[in-house]
PDB file of N, CA and C in Angstrom:
ATOM      1  N   MET A   1       0.845  -1.181   0.000  1.00  0.00           N
ATOM      2  CA  MET A   1       0.000   0.000   0.000  1.00  0.00           C
ATOM      3  C   MET A   1       0.887   1.239   0.000  1.00  0.00           C
ATOM      4  N   ALA A   2       0.529   2.190  -0.821  1.00  0.00           N
ATOM      5  CA  ALA A   2       1.306   3.424  -0.934  1.00  0.00           C
ATOM      6  C   ALA A   2       1.024   4.357   0.245  1.00  0.00           C
ATOM      7  N   HIS A   3       1.934   5.280   0.476  1.00  0.00           N
ATOM      8  CA  HIS A   3       1.793   6.314   1.500  1.00  0.00           C
ATOM      9  C   HIS A   3       0.474   7.062   1.258  1.00  0.00           C
ATOM     10  N   PRO A   4      -0.228   7.490   2.316  1.00  0.00           N
ATOM     11  CA  PRO A   4      -1.514   8.180   2.138  1.00  0.00           C
ATOM     12  C   PRO A   4      -1.444   9.414   1.229  1.00  0.00           C
ATOM     13  N   LEU A   5      -0.349  10.156   1.290  1.00  0.00           N
ATOM     14  CA  LEU A   5      -0.206  11.315   0.409  1.00  0.00           C
ATOM     15  C   LEU A   5      -0.142  10.872  -1.053  1.00  0.00           C
ATOM     16  N   ILE A   6       0.591   9.805  -1.305  1.00  0.00           N
ATOM     17  CA  ILE A   6       0.694   9.271  -2.666  1.00  0.00           C
ATOM     18  C   ILE A   6      -0.665   8.744  -3.113  1.00  0.00           C
ATOM     19  N   GLN A   7      -1.362   8.055  -2.209  1.00  0.00           N
ATOM     20  CA  GLN A   7      -2.697   7.525  -2.529  1.00  0.00           C
ATOM     21  C   GLN A   7      -3.653   8.651  -2.924  1.00  0.00           C
ATOM     22  N   GLY A   8      -3.650   9.719  -2.134  1.00  0.00           N
ATOM     23  CA  GLY A   8      -4.547  10.836  -2.412  1.00  0.00           C
ATOM     24  C   GLY A   8      -4.239  11.510  -3.734  1.00  0.00           C
ATOM     25  N   PHE A   9      -2.966  11.725  -3.979  1.00  0.00           N
ATOM     26  CA  PHE A   9      -2.558  12.365  -5.220  1.00  0.00           C
ATOM     27  C   PHE A   9      -2.878  11.471  -6.410  1.00  0.00           C
ATOM     28  N   ASN A  10      -2.675  10.181  -6.235  1.00  0.00           N
ATOM     29  CA  ASN A  10      -2.976   9.203  -7.276  1.00  0.00           C
ATOM     30  C   ASN A  10      -4.468   9.234  -7.618  1.00  0.00           C
ATOM     31  N   LEU A  11      -5.303   9.287  -6.600  1.00  0.00           N
ATOM     32  CA  LEU A  11      -6.748   9.328  -6.814  1.00  0.00           C
ATOM     33  C   LEU A  11      -7.158  10.603  -7.556  1.00  0.00           C
ATOM     34  N   TYR A  12      -6.553  11.716  -7.175  1.00  0.00           N
ATOM     35  CA  TYR A  12      -6.823  12.995  -7.846  1.00  0.00           C
ATOM     36  C   TYR A  12      -6.446  12.921  -9.328  1.00  0.00           C
ATOM     37  N   LYS A  13      -5.269  12.384  -9.604  1.00  0.00           N
ATOM     38  CA  LYS A  13      -4.800  12.275 -10.987  1.00  0.00           C
ATOM     39  C   LYS A  13      -5.675  11.302 -11.783  1.00  0.00           C
ATOM     40  N   LYS A  14      -6.102  10.209 -11.140  1.00  0.00           N
ATOM     41  CA  LYS A  14      -6.948   9.232 -11.830  1.00  0.00           C
ATOM     42  C   LYS A  14      -8.298   9.854 -12.194  1.00  0.00           C
ATOM     43  N   ALA A  15      -8.843  10.660 -11.297  1.00  0.00           N
ATOM     44  CA  ALA A  15     -10.112  11.335 -11.589  1.00  0.00           C
ATOM     45  C   ALA A  15      -9.969  12.245 -12.806  1.00  0.00           C
ATOM     46  N   ASN A  16      -8.836  12.923 -12.908  1.00  0.00           N
ATOM     47  CA  ASN A  16      -8.588  13.769 -14.081  1.00  0.00           C
ATOM     48  C   ASN A  16      -8.506  12.937 -15.356  1.00  0.00           C
ATOM     49  N   ALA A  17      -7.858  11.791 -15.280  1.00  0.00           N
ATOM     50  CA  ALA A  17      -7.747  10.913 -16.451  1.00  0.00           C
ATOM     51  C   ALA A  17      -9.120  10.388 -16.865  1.00  0.00           C
ATOM     52  N   MET A  18      -9.950  10.052 -15.886  1.00  0.00           N
ATOM     53  CA  MET A  18     -11.292   9.560 -16.196  1.00  0.00           C
ATOM     54  C   MET A  18     -12.121  10.645 -16.893  1.00  0.00           C
ATOM     55  N   LEU A  19     -11.978  11.866 -16.432  1.00  0.00           N
ATOM     56  CA  LEU A  19     -12.680  12.971 -17.077  1.00  0.00           C
ATOM     57  C   LEU A  19     -12.199  13.138 -18.519  1.00  0.00           C
ATOM     58  N   ASN A  20     -10.887  13.084 -18.718  1.00  0.00           N
ATOM     59  CA  ASN A  20     -10.348  13.211 -20.076  1.00  0.00           C
ATOM     60  C   ASN A  20     -10.796  12.058 -20.971  1.00  0.00           C
ATOM     61  N   TYR A  21     -10.937  10.868 -20.387  1.00  0.00           N
ATOM     62  CA  TYR A  21     -11.435   9.728 -21.159  1.00  0.00           C
ATOM     63  C   TYR A  21     -12.863  10.004 -21.637  1.00  0.00           C
ATOM     64  N   ARG A  22     -13.666  10.543 -20.753  1.00  0.00           N
ATOM     65  CA  ARG A  22     -15.047  10.875 -21.133  1.00  0.00           C
ATOM     66  C   ARG A  22     -15.100  11.994 -22.168  1.00  0.00           C
ATOM     67  N   LEU A  23     -14.033  12.794 -22.185  1.00  0.00           N
ATOM     68  CA  LEU A  23     -13.966  13.896 -23.151  1.00  0.00           C
ATOM     69  C   LEU A  23     -13.211  13.511 -24.414  1.00  0.00           C
ATOM     70  N   ASP A  24     -12.955  12.210 -24.615  1.00  0.00           N
ATOM     71  CA  ASP A  24     -12.386  11.705 -25.868  1.00  0.00           C
ATOM     72  C   ASP A  24     -10.919  11.288 -25.801  1.00  0.00           C
ATOM     73  N   LEU A  25     -10.411  10.943 -24.642  1.00  0.00           N
ATOM     74  CA  LEU A  25      -9.072  10.359 -24.558  1.00  0.00           C
ATOM     75  C   LEU A  25      -9.119   8.963 -25.177  1.00  0.00           C
ATOM     76  N   ASP A  26      -8.120   8.609 -25.945  1.00  0.00           N
ATOM     77  CA  ASP A  26      -8.046   7.311 -26.607  1.00  0.00           C
ATOM     78  C   ASP A  26      -8.178   6.170 -25.591  1.00  0.00           C
ATOM     79  N   LYS A  27      -8.970   5.156 -25.937  1.00  0.00           N
ATOM     80  CA  LYS A  27      -9.251   4.036 -25.033  1.00  0.00           C
ATOM     81  C   LYS A  27      -7.988   3.261 -24.660  1.00  0.00           C
ATOM     82  N   GLU A  28      -7.096   3.029 -25.618  1.00  0.00           N
ATOM     83  CA  GLU A  28      -5.863   2.280 -25.341  1.00  0.00           C
ATOM     84  C   GLU A  28      -4.931   3.060 -24.420  1.00  0.00           C
ATOM     85  N   ILE A  29      -4.834   4.354 -24.639  1.00  0.00           N
ATOM     86  CA  ILE A  29      -4.008   5.198 -23.770  1.00  0.00           C
ATOM     87  C   ILE A  29      -4.595   5.202 -22.362  1.00  0.00           C
ATOM     88  N   PHE A  30      -5.915   5.313 -22.266  1.00  0.00           N
ATOM     89  CA  PHE A  30      -6.561   5.302 -20.955  1.00  0.00           C
ATOM     90  C   PHE A  30      -6.311   3.985 -20.228  1.00  0.00           C
ATOM     91  N   ALA A  31      -6.297   2.874 -20.945  1.00  0.00           N
ATOM     92  CA  ALA A  31      -6.039   1.567 -20.326  1.00  0.00           C
ATOM     93  C   ALA A  31      -4.641   1.523 -19.710  1.00  0.00           C
ATOM     94  N   VAL A  32      -3.654   2.066 -20.407  1.00  0.00           N
ATOM     95  CA  VAL A  32      -2.281   2.087 -19.887  1.00  0.00           C
ATOM     96  C   VAL A  32      -2.198   3.006 -18.670  1.00  0.00           C
ATOM     97  N   ILE A  33      -2.842   4.154 -18.766  1.00  0.00           N
ATOM     98  CA  ILE A  33      -2.854   5.094 -17.644  1.00  0.00           C
ATOM     99  C   ILE A  33      -3.520   4.453 -16.435  1.00  0.00           C
ATOM    100  N   SER A  34      -4.637   3.772 -16.633  1.00  0.00           N
ATOM    101  CA  SER A  34      -5.348   3.112 -15.530  1.00  0.00           C
ATOM    102  C   SER A  34      -4.499   2.031 -14.879  1.00  0.00           C
ATOM    103  N   LYS A  35      -3.769   1.269 -15.686  1.00  0.00           N
ATOM    104  CA  LYS A  35      -2.891   0.238 -15.139  1.00  0.00           C
ATOM    105  C   LYS A  35      -1.815   0.871 -14.263  1.00  0.00           C
ATOM    106  N   THR A  36      -1.278   1.982 -14.707  1.00  0.00           N
ATOM    107  CA  THR A  36      -0.246   2.667 -13.933  1.00  0.00           C
ATOM    108  C   THR A  36      -0.810   3.176 -12.614  1.00  0.00           C
ATOM    109  N   TYR A  37      -2.005   3.749 -12.637  1.00  0.00           N
ATOM    110  CA  TYR A  37      -2.623   4.190 -11.387  1.00  0.00           C
ATOM    111  C   TYR A  37      -2.824   3.012 -10.443  1.00  0.00           C
ATOM    112  N   GLY A  38      -3.211   1.866 -10.984  1.00  0.00           N
ATOM    113  CA  GLY A  38      -3.367   0.669 -10.160  1.00  0.00           C
ATOM    114  C   GLY A  38      -2.055   0.223  -9.544  1.00  0.00           C
ATOM    115  N   ASP A  39      -0.979   0.291 -10.315  1.00  0.00           N
ATOM    116  CA  ASP A  39       0.345  -0.069  -9.790  1.00  0.00           C
ATOM    117  C   ASP A  39       0.732   0.834  -8.626  1.00  0.00           C
ATOM    118  N   ILE A  40       0.459   2.123  -8.767  1.00  0.00           N
ATOM    119  CA  ILE A  40       0.780   3.066  -7.691  1.00  0.00           C
ATOM    120  C   ILE A  40      -0.097   2.783  -6.478  1.00  0.00           C
ATOM    121  N   ARG A  41      -1.391   2.568  -6.692  1.00  0.00           N
ATOM    122  CA  ARG A  41      -2.322   2.320  -5.584  1.00  0.00           C
ATOM    123  C   ARG A  41      -1.917   1.092  -4.773  1.00  0.00           C
ATOM    124  N   ARG A  42      -1.473   0.050  -5.473  1.00  0.00           N
ATOM    125  CA  ARG A  42      -1.080  -1.184  -4.784  1.00  0.00           C
ATOM    126  C   ARG A  42       0.312  -1.097  -4.166  1.00  0.00           C
ATOM    127  N   GLY A  43       1.005   0.015  -4.380  1.00  0.00           N
ATOM    128  CA  GLY A  43       2.316   0.199  -3.769  1.00  0.00           C
ATOM    129  C   GLY A  43       3.462  -0.405  -4.548  1.00  0.00           C
ATOM    130  N   HIS A  44       3.231  -0.806  -5.786  1.00  0.00           N
ATOM    131  CA  HIS A  44       4.277  -1.443  -6.593  1.00  0.00           C
ATOM    132  C   HIS A  44       5.403  -0.485  -6.959  1.00  0.00           C
ATOM    133  N   LEU A  45       5.145   0.808  -6.861  1.00  0.00           N
ATOM    134  CA  LEU A  45       6.163   1.796  -7.229  1.00  0.00           C
ATOM    135  C   LEU A  45       6.671   2.576  -6.020  1.00  0.00           C
ATOM    136  N   ASN A  46       6.385   2.091  -4.818  1.00  0.00           N
ATOM    137  CA  ASN A  46       6.796   2.798  -3.602  1.00  0.00           C
ATOM    138  C   ASN A  46       8.287   3.075  -3.557  1.00  0.00           C
ATOM    139  N   HIS A  47       9.087   2.143  -4.043  1.00  0.00           N
ATOM    140  CA  HIS A  47      10.537   2.310  -3.969  1.00  0.00           C
ATOM    141  C   HIS A  47      11.028   3.475  -4.829  1.00  0.00           C
ATOM    142  N   HIS A  48      10.192   3.978  -5.717  1.00  0.00           N
ATOM    143  CA  HIS A  48      10.566   5.135  -6.538  1.00  0.00           C
ATOM    144  C   HIS A  48      10.272   6.464  -5.838  1.00  0.00           C
ATOM    145  N   PHE A  49       9.501   6.414  -4.763  1.00  0.00           N
ATOM    146  CA  PHE A  49       9.169   7.618  -4.005  1.00  0.00           C
ATOM    147  C   PHE A  49      10.038   7.678  -2.757  1.00  0.00           C
ATOM    148  N   PRO A  50      11.156   8.399  -2.804  1.00  0.00           N
ATOM    149  CA  PRO A  50      11.985   8.504  -1.599  1.00  0.00           C
ATOM    150  C   PRO A  50      11.204   9.206  -0.493  1.00  0.00           C
ATOM    151  N   SER A  51      11.467   8.830   0.745  1.00  0.00           N
ATOM    152  CA  SER A  51      10.721   9.405   1.865  1.00  0.00           C
ATOM    153  C   SER A  51      10.861  10.920   1.912  1.00  0.00           C
ATOM    154  N   SER A  52      11.988  11.443   1.441  1.00  0.00           N
ATOM    155  CA  SER A  52      12.164  12.896   1.454  1.00  0.00           C
ATOM    156  C   SER A  52      11.150  13.588   0.547  1.00  0.00           C
ATOM    157  N   VAL A  53      10.743  12.930  -0.524  1.00  0.00           N
ATOM    158  CA  VAL A  53       9.753  13.517  -1.427  1.00  0.00           C
ATOM    159  C   VAL A  53       8.393  13.538  -0.756  1.00  0.00           C
ATOM    160  N   VAL A  54       8.059  12.467  -0.046  1.00  0.00           N
ATOM    161  CA  VAL A  54       6.772  12.393   0.641  1.00  0.00           C
ATOM    162  C   VAL A  54       6.703  13.432   1.751  1.00  0.00           C
ATOM    163  N   GLU A  55       7.834  13.723   2.370  1.00  0.00           N
ATOM    164  CA  GLU A  55       7.873  14.662   3.489  1.00  0.00           C
ATOM    165  C   GLU A  55       8.062  16.113   3.055  1.00  0.00           C
ATOM    166  N   LEU A  56       8.190  16.358   1.781  1.00  0.00           N
ATOM    167  CA  LEU A  56       8.397  17.722   1.294  1.00  0.00           C
ATOM    168  C   LEU A  56       7.218  18.613   1.644  1.00  0.00           C
ATOM    169  N   SER A  57       7.527  19.841   1.953  1.00  0.00           N
ATOM    170  CA  SER A  57       6.450  20.799   2.183  1.00  0.00           C
ATOM    171  C   SER A  57       6.000  21.426   0.865  1.00  0.00           C
ATOM    172  N   SER A  58       6.786  21.238  -0.178  1.00  0.00           N
ATOM    173  CA  SER A  58       6.469  21.819  -1.481  1.00  0.00           C
ATOM    174  C   SER A  58       5.640  20.841  -2.307  1.00  0.00           C
ATOM    175  N   CYS A  59       4.412  21.206  -2.550  1.00  0.00           N
ATOM    176  CA  CYS A  59       3.542  20.360  -3.374  1.00  0.00           C
ATOM    177  C   CYS A  59       4.058  20.310  -4.810  1.00  0.00           C
ATOM    178  N   GLU A  60       4.685  21.400  -5.242  1.00  0.00           N
ATOM    179  CA  GLU A  60       5.204  21.448  -6.609  1.00  0.00           C
ATOM    180  C   GLU A  60       6.271  20.380  -6.828  1.00  0.00           C
ATOM    181  N   GLN A  61       7.196  20.228  -5.886  1.00  0.00           N
ATOM    182  CA  GLN A  61       8.246  19.214  -6.010  1.00  0.00           C
ATOM    183  C   GLN A  61       7.653  17.809  -5.984  1.00  0.00           C
ATOM    184  N   PHE A  62       6.665  17.600  -5.125  1.00  0.00           N
ATOM    185  CA  PHE A  62       6.008  16.298  -5.058  1.00  0.00           C
ATOM    186  C   PHE A  62       5.313  15.991  -6.381  1.00  0.00           C
ATOM    187  N   ASN A  63       4.621  16.979  -6.931  1.00  0.00           N
ATOM    188  CA  ASN A  63       3.923  16.811  -8.201  1.00  0.00           C
ATOM    189  C   ASN A  63       4.903  16.455  -9.317  1.00  0.00           C
ATOM    190  N   ILE A  64       6.038  17.138  -9.360  1.00  0.00           N
ATOM    191  CA  ILE A  64       7.050  16.856 -10.380  1.00  0.00           C
ATOM    192  C   ILE A  64       7.544  15.422 -10.256  1.00  0.00           C
ATOM    193  N   LYS A  65       7.875  14.997  -9.035  1.00  0.00           N
ATOM    194  CA  LYS A  65       8.385  13.639  -8.821  1.00  0.00           C
ATOM    195  C   LYS A  65       7.318  12.603  -9.166  1.00  0.00           C
ATOM    196  N   PHE A  66       6.085  12.843  -8.747  1.00  0.00           N
ATOM    197  CA  PHE A  66       4.991  11.924  -9.056  1.00  0.00           C
ATOM    198  C   PHE A  66       4.856  11.762 -10.569  1.00  0.00           C
ATOM    199  N   ASN A  67       4.853  12.883 -11.288  1.00  0.00           N
ATOM    200  CA  ASN A  67       4.708  12.828 -12.744  1.00  0.00           C
ATOM    201  C   ASN A  67       5.866  12.101 -13.408  1.00  0.00           C
ATOM    202  N   GLU A  68       7.085  12.294 -12.916  1.00  0.00           N
ATOM    203  CA  GLU A  68       8.243  11.586 -13.478  1.00  0.00           C
ATOM    204  C   GLU A  68       8.094  10.079 -13.310  1.00  0.00           C
ATOM    205  N   ILE A  69       7.711   9.660 -12.123  1.00  0.00           N
ATOM    206  CA  ILE A  69       7.536   8.231 -11.843  1.00  0.00           C
ATOM    207  C   ILE A  69       6.401   7.669 -12.698  1.00  0.00           C
ATOM    208  N   PHE A  70       5.307   8.403 -12.769  1.00  0.00           N
ATOM    209  CA  PHE A  70       4.146   7.978 -13.538  1.00  0.00           C
ATOM    210  C   PHE A  70       4.491   7.829 -15.020  1.00  0.00           C
ATOM    211  N   GLU A  71       5.131   8.844 -15.583  1.00  0.00           N
ATOM    212  CA  GLU A  71       5.481   8.812 -17.007  1.00  0.00           C
ATOM    213  C   GLU A  71       6.444   7.677 -17.322  1.00  0.00           C
ATOM    214  N   HIS A  72       7.378   7.438 -16.434  1.00  0.00           N
ATOM    215  CA  HIS A  72       8.330   6.346 -16.647  1.00  0.00           C
ATOM    216  C   HIS A  72       7.596   5.006 -16.708  1.00  0.00           C
ATOM    217  N   ARG A  73       6.650   4.794 -15.792  1.00  0.00           N
ATOM    218  CA  ARG A  73       5.904   3.532 -15.764  1.00  0.00           C
ATOM    219  C   ARG A  73       5.016   3.385 -17.004  1.00  0.00           C
ATOM    220  N   VAL A  74       4.377   4.463 -17.432  1.00  0.00           N
ATOM    221  CA  VAL A  74       3.555   4.415 -18.645  1.00  0.00           C
ATOM    222  C   VAL A  74       4.413   4.012 -19.838  1.00  0.00           C
ATOM    223  N   ASN A  75       5.591   4.612 -19.956  1.00  0.00           N
ATOM    224  CA  ASN A  75       6.490   4.263 -21.063  1.00  0.00           C
ATOM    225  C   ASN A  75       6.930   2.806 -20.998  1.00  0.00           C
ATOM    226  N   GLN A  76       7.193   2.302 -19.795  1.00  0.00           N
ATOM    227  CA  GLN A  76       7.550   0.881 -19.650  1.00  0.00           C
ATOM    228  C   GLN A  76       6.433  -0.001 -20.188  1.00  0.00           C
ATOM    229  N   ILE A  77       5.213   0.280 -19.800  1.00  0.00           N
ATOM    230  CA  ILE A  77       4.070  -0.533 -20.229  1.00  0.00           C
ATOM    231  C   ILE A  77       3.893  -0.444 -21.747  1.00  0.00           C
ATOM    232  N   LEU A  78       4.002   0.748 -22.294  1.00  0.00           N
ATOM    233  CA  LEU A  78       3.842   0.917 -23.740  1.00  0.00           C
ATOM    234  C   LEU A  78       4.907   0.158 -24.514  1.00  0.00           C
ATOM    235  N   PHE A  79       6.152   0.219 -24.058  1.00  0.00           N
ATOM    236  CA  PHE A  79       7.219  -0.477 -24.774  1.00  0.00           C
ATOM    237  C   PHE A  79       7.132  -1.988 -24.590  1.00  0.00           C
ATOM    238  N   GLU A  80       6.622  -2.458 -23.442  1.00  0.00           N
ATOM    239  CA  GLU A  80       6.410  -3.893 -23.248  1.00  0.00           C
ATOM    240  C   GLU A  80       5.368  -4.402 -24.237  1.00  0.00           C
ATOM    241  N   SER A  81       4.318  -3.620 -24.458  1.00  0.00           N
ATOM    242  CA  SER A  81       3.260  -4.065 -25.369  1.00  0.00           C
ATOM    243  C   SER A  81       3.723  -4.048 -26.826  1.00  0.00           C
ATOM    244  N   LEU A  82       4.710  -3.225 -27.133  1.00  0.00           N
ATOM    245  CA  LEU A  82       5.254  -3.208 -28.492  1.00  0.00           C
ATOM    246  C   LEU A  82       6.229  -4.349 -28.721  1.00  0.00           C
ATOM    247  N   GLY A  83       6.860  -4.785 -27.622  1.00  0.00           N
ATOM    248  CA  GLY A  83       7.944  -5.712 -27.605  1.00  0.00           C
ATOM    249  C   GLY A  83       7.835  -6.990 -28.249  1.00  0.00           C
TER     250      GLY A  83
END
């Protein structure tokens, strides 16, 4: 299970993705994004979130780190499916 801050941020980002899907986000892209959110929710990517990032008082730095981790995982999934 991911840290509560990561869980909350993940849920917020997933809600945004769901809205974009309803507004015409490609179904295949949404599937990859959803899988990544699930990986984060289950704590599979916890080792990528150093405790210092979770403890940061700057939401901007946390957002940047979250997006980097998220994008990296999405790219992994996309390249695995091409593989």
